[in-house]
C-alpha atoms as a PDB file:
ATOM      1  CA  UNK A   1     -12.389  32.988  21.516  1.00  0.00           C
ATOM      2  CA  UNK A   2      -9.641  34.541  19.837  1.00  0.00           C
ATOM      3  CA  UNK A   3     -10.378  36.707  16.993  1.00  0.00           C
ATOM      4  CA  UNK A   4      -8.267  36.035  13.858  1.00  0.00           C
ATOM      5  CA  UNK A   5      -7.458  38.562  11.244  1.00  0.00           C
ATOM      6  CA  UNK A   6      -6.915  37.801   7.558  1.00  0.00           C
ATOM      7  CA  UNK A   7      -3.440  38.191   8.101  1.00  0.00           C
ATOM      8  CA  UNK A   8      -3.472  35.116  10.355  1.00  0.00           C
ATOM      9  CA  UNK A   9      -4.435  32.864   7.242  1.00  0.00           C
ATOM     10  CA  UNK A  10      -1.742  31.764   4.832  1.00  0.00           C
ATOM     11  CA  UNK A  11      -1.149  29.483   1.773  1.00  0.00           C
ATOM     12  CA  UNK A  12       0.306  26.274   3.016  1.00  0.00           C
ATOM     13  CA  UNK A  13       2.797  24.373   0.669  1.00  0.00           C
ATOM     14  CA  UNK A  14       1.627  20.540   0.858  1.00  0.00           C
ATOM     15  CA  UNK A  15       4.167  17.799   0.530  1.00  0.00           C
ATOM     16  CA  UNK A  16       4.600  16.841  -3.168  1.00  0.00           C
ATOM     17  CA  UNK A  17       6.112  13.610  -4.595  1.00  0.00           C
ATOM     18  CA  UNK A  18       7.254  13.659  -8.076  1.00  0.00           C
ATOM     19  CA  UNK A  19       7.760  11.061 -10.540  1.00  0.00           C
ATOM     20  CA  UNK A  20       8.721  11.629 -14.029  1.00  0.00           C
ATOM     21  CA  UNK A  21       6.913   8.649 -15.447  1.00  0.00           C
ATOM     22  CA  UNK A  22       3.916   8.311 -12.967  1.00  0.00           C
ATOM     23  CA  UNK A  23       2.854  12.059 -12.178  1.00  0.00           C
ATOM     24  CA  UNK A  24       2.625  13.635  -8.700  1.00  0.00           C
ATOM     25  CA  UNK A  25       1.397  12.634  -5.494  1.00  0.00           C
ATOM     26  CA  UNK A  26       0.423  15.098  -2.519  1.00  0.00           C
ATOM     27  CA  UNK A  27      -0.017  13.910   0.978  1.00  0.00           C
ATOM     28  CA  UNK A  28      -2.121  15.643   3.787  1.00  0.00           C
ATOM     29  CA  UNK A  29      -1.755  14.017   7.114  1.00  0.00           C
ATOM     30  CA  UNK A  30      -3.521  14.602  10.580  1.00  0.00           C
ATOM     31  CA  UNK A  31      -1.297  16.230  13.046  1.00  0.00           C
ATOM     32  CA  UNK A  32       1.565  16.457  10.572  1.00  0.00           C
ATOM     33  CA  UNK A  33       0.626  18.492   7.559  1.00  0.00           C
ATOM     34  CA  UNK A  34      -2.184  20.590   9.163  1.00  0.00           C
ATOM     35  CA  UNK A  35      -2.451  22.328  12.557  1.00  0.00           C
ATOM     36  CA  UNK A  36      -5.989  20.413  13.001  1.00  0.00           C
ATOM     37  CA  UNK A  37      -7.435  16.875  12.384  1.00  0.00           C
ATOM     38  CA  UNK A  38      -9.684  16.612   9.358  1.00  0.00           C
ATOM     39  CA  UNK A  39     -13.104  15.362  10.198  1.00  0.00           C
ATOM     40  CA  UNK A  40     -14.889  16.237   6.978  1.00  0.00           C
ATOM     41  CA  UNK A  41     -13.890  16.582   3.400  1.00  0.00           C
ATOM     42  CA  UNK A  42     -16.034  17.975   0.584  1.00  0.00           C
ATOM     43  CA  UNK A  43     -15.487  19.544  -2.830  1.00  0.00           C
ATOM     44  CA  UNK A  44     -17.107  22.010  -4.992  1.00  0.00           C
ATOM     45  CA  UNK A  45     -17.120  21.565  -8.860  1.00  0.00           C
ATOM     46  CA  UNK A  46     -19.246  22.371 -11.911  1.00  0.00           C
ATOM     47  CA  UNK A  47     -19.578  25.946 -10.503  1.00  0.00           C
ATOM     48  CA  UNK A  48     -21.327  27.841 -13.224  1.00  0.00           C
ATOM     49  CA  UNK A  49     -19.362  30.763 -14.749  1.00  0.00           C
ATOM     50  CA  UNK A  50     -19.907  34.059 -12.870  1.00  0.00           C
ATOM     51  CA  UNK A  51     -21.234  32.350  -9.753  1.00  0.00           C
ATOM     52  CA  UNK A  52     -19.786  32.743  -6.273  1.00  0.00           C
ATOM     53  CA  UNK A  53     -19.688  30.197  -3.407  1.00  0.00           C
ATOM     54  CA  UNK A  54     -19.030  30.555   0.386  1.00  0.00           C
ATOM     55  CA  UNK A  55     -20.472  33.822   1.530  1.00  0.00           C
ATOM     56  CA  UNK A  56     -20.355  32.797   5.152  1.00  0.00           C
ATOM     57  CA  UNK A  57     -18.162  32.604   8.249  1.00  0.00           C
ATOM     58  CA  UNK A  58     -17.661  29.694  10.747  1.00  0.00           C
ATOM     59  CA  UNK A  59     -17.471  30.482  14.526  1.00  0.00           C
ATOM     60  CA  UNK A  60     -15.318  27.685  15.422  1.00  0.00           C
ATOM     61  CA  UNK A  61     -14.504  25.615  12.150  1.00  0.00           C
ATOM     62  CA  UNK A  62     -10.922  25.789  10.712  1.00  0.00           C
ATOM     63  CA  UNK A  63     -10.456  24.905   6.916  1.00  0.00           C
ATOM     64  CA  UNK A  64      -7.763  23.972   4.377  1.00  0.00           C
ATOM     65  CA  UNK A  65      -9.030  25.203   0.890  1.00  0.00           C
ATOM     66  CA  UNK A  66      -7.396  23.460  -2.210  1.00  0.00           C
ATOM     67  CA  UNK A  67      -7.725  24.017  -5.782  1.00  0.00           C
ATOM     68  CA  UNK A  68      -7.446  20.290  -6.624  1.00  0.00           C
ATOM     69  CA  UNK A  69      -8.001  21.347 -10.238  1.00  0.00           C
ATOM     70  CA  UNK A  70      -8.349  24.618 -12.057  1.00  0.00           C
ATOM     71  CA  UNK A  71      -8.285  27.903 -10.169  1.00  0.00           C
ATOM     72  CA  UNK A  72     -10.499  30.322  -8.135  1.00  0.00           C
ATOM     73  CA  UNK A  73     -10.150  33.256  -5.797  1.00  0.00           C
ATOM     74  CA  UNK A  74     -10.823  32.996  -2.033  1.00  0.00           C
ATOM     75  CA  UNK A  75     -11.404  36.457  -0.315  1.00  0.00           C
ATOM     76  CA  UNK A  76     -11.286  36.556   3.349  1.00  0.00           C
ATOM     77  CA  UNK A  77     -12.817  39.245   5.545  1.00  0.00           C
ATOM     78  CA  UNK A  78     -12.279  40.050   9.146  1.00  0.00           C
ATOM     79  CA  UNK A  79     -14.792  42.860   9.334  1.00  0.00           C
ATOM     80  CA  UNK A  80     -12.109  45.484   9.041  1.00  0.00           C
ATOM     81  CA  UNK A  81      -9.726  44.184   6.252  1.00  0.00           C
ATOM     82  CA  UNK A  82     -10.043  41.871   3.179  1.00  0.00           C
ATOM     83  CA  UNK A  83      -7.626  39.904   1.590  1.00  0.00           C
ATOM     84  CA  UNK A  84      -7.663  37.769  -1.527  1.00  0.00           C
ATOM     85  CA  UNK A  85      -5.750  34.543  -2.355  1.00  0.00           C
ATOM     86  CA  UNK A  86      -5.652  33.165  -5.866  1.00  0.00           C
ATOM     87  CA  UNK A  87      -5.621  29.226  -5.740  1.00  0.00           C
ATOM     88  CA  UNK A  88      -4.380  27.291  -8.636  1.00  0.00           C
ATOM     89  CA  UNK A  89      -1.888  24.665  -7.535  1.00  0.00           C
ATOM     90  CA  UNK A  90      -3.283  21.177  -6.111  1.00  0.00           C
ATOM     91  CA  UNK A  91      -0.134  21.010  -3.968  1.00  0.00           C
ATOM     92  CA  UNK A  92      -0.980  24.521  -1.997  1.00  0.00           C
ATOM     93  CA  UNK A  93      -3.946  25.092   0.305  1.00  0.00           C
ATOM     94  CA  UNK A  94      -5.262  28.103   2.003  1.00  0.00           C
ATOM     95  CA  UNK A  95      -5.513  27.592   5.858  1.00  0.00           C
ATOM     96  CA  UNK A  96      -8.554  29.459   6.990  1.00  0.00           C
ATOM     97  CA  UNK A  97      -8.889  30.176  10.699  1.00  0.00           C
ATOM     98  CA  UNK A  98     -12.331  30.315  12.445  1.00  0.00           C
ATOM     99  CA  UNK A  99     -14.331  33.704  12.580  1.00  0.00           C
ATOM    100  CA  UNK A 100     -13.557  34.902   9.016  1.00  0.00           C
ATOM    101  CA  UNK A 101     -16.025  35.626   6.218  1.00  0.00           C
ATOM    102  CA  UNK A 102     -15.141  33.902   2.982  1.00  0.00           C
ATOM    103  CA  UNK A 103     -16.210  34.218  -0.628  1.00  0.00           C
ATOM    104  CA  UNK A 104     -15.102  31.991  -3.308  1.00  0.00           C
ATOM    105  CA  UNK A 105     -15.381  33.525  -6.955  1.00  0.00           C
ATOM    106  CA  UNK A 106     -13.758  33.466 -10.366  1.00  0.00           C
ATOM    107  CA  UNK A 107     -13.858  29.787 -10.728  1.00  0.00           C
ATOM    108  CA  UNK A 108     -12.030  28.456 -13.970  1.00  0.00           C
ATOM    109  CA  UNK A 109     -13.765  25.935 -16.257  1.00  0.00           C
ATOM    110  CA  UNK A 110     -13.515  22.534 -14.606  1.00  0.00           C
ATOM    111  CA  UNK A 111     -12.158  23.988 -11.313  1.00  0.00           C
ATOM    112  CA  UNK A 112     -12.440  21.615  -8.292  1.00  0.00           C
ATOM    113  CA  UNK A 113     -12.495  23.077  -4.949  1.00  0.00           C
ATOM    114  CA  UNK A 114     -11.586  20.708  -2.146  1.00  0.00           C
ATOM    115  CA  UNK A 115     -12.137  21.585   1.657  1.00  0.00           C
ATOM    116  CA  UNK A 116     -10.631  19.840   4.588  1.00  0.00           C
ATOM    117  CA  UNK A 117     -12.470  20.763   7.619  1.00  0.00           C
ATOM    118  CA  UNK A 118     -11.803  20.383  11.146  1.00  0.00           C
ATOM    119  CA  UNK A 119     -15.181  19.254  12.150  1.00  0.00           C
ATOM    120  CA  UNK A 120     -18.425  17.673  10.890  1.00  0.00           C
ATOM    121  CA  UNK A 121     -21.140  19.829   9.373  1.00  0.00           C
ATOM    122  CA  UNK A 122     -22.794  21.883  12.208  1.00  0.00           C
ATOM    123  CA  UNK A 123     -25.421  24.229  11.136  1.00  0.00           C
ATOM    124  CA  UNK A 124     -25.185  26.358  14.447  1.00  0.00           C
ATOM    125  CA  UNK A 125     -21.293  26.962  13.521  1.00  0.00           C
ATOM    126  CA  UNK A 126     -22.295  29.038  10.324  1.00  0.00           C
ATOM    127  CA  UNK A 127     -23.049  32.691  10.177  1.00  0.00           C
ATOM    128  CA  UNK A 128     -24.819  33.377   6.880  1.00  0.00           C
ATOM    129  CA  UNK A 129     -25.824  37.036   7.311  1.00  0.00           C
ATOM    130  CA  UNK A 130     -23.020  39.616   6.744  1.00  0.00           C
ATOM    131  CA  UNK A 131     -24.468  42.014   9.330  1.00  0.00           C
ATOM    132  CA  UNK A 132     -24.754  39.202  12.108  1.00  0.00           C
ATOM    133  CA  UNK A 133     -21.014  38.312  11.202  1.00  0.00           C
ATOM    134  CA  UNK A 134     -19.934  41.982  11.832  1.00  0.00           C
ATOM    135  CA  UNK A 135     -21.903  41.676  15.111  1.00  0.00           C
ATOM    136  CA  UNK A 136     -20.052  38.469  15.956  1.00  0.00           C
ATOM    137  CA  UNK A 137     -16.693  40.205  15.352  1.00  0.00           C
ATOM    138  CA  UNK A 138     -17.626  43.020  17.713  1.00  0.00           C
ATOM    139  CA  UNK A 139     -18.660  40.912  20.538  1.00  0.00           C
END
């Protein structure tokens, strides 16, 4: 498996359609907008002030993380380097490649974090222990 670094991840600008009278519409399409097909969508909301989410890595899963409402910070870690992204636009998403530790923090009041994932939930794909993550990165 290829080992990605935090510099392989980037903020993706999503297609945004604007109407002065009716608001905005953003479209995400499999095989067009993303380099993977979406097999699972979930969202985090009502995260209490000061709480963090994430704190895990995925062995194979790719994700697009979007601040559908409000804002939060995503910090990625490849075991050698950390990189933080402040997300606050619903027409931008952070493309996170497999094998990277992620922490989500600093949620604004009313923030909604929507995640588009390349696969269904698979317990065996998660690494929830940071030391185990570092060993995975070195293997």
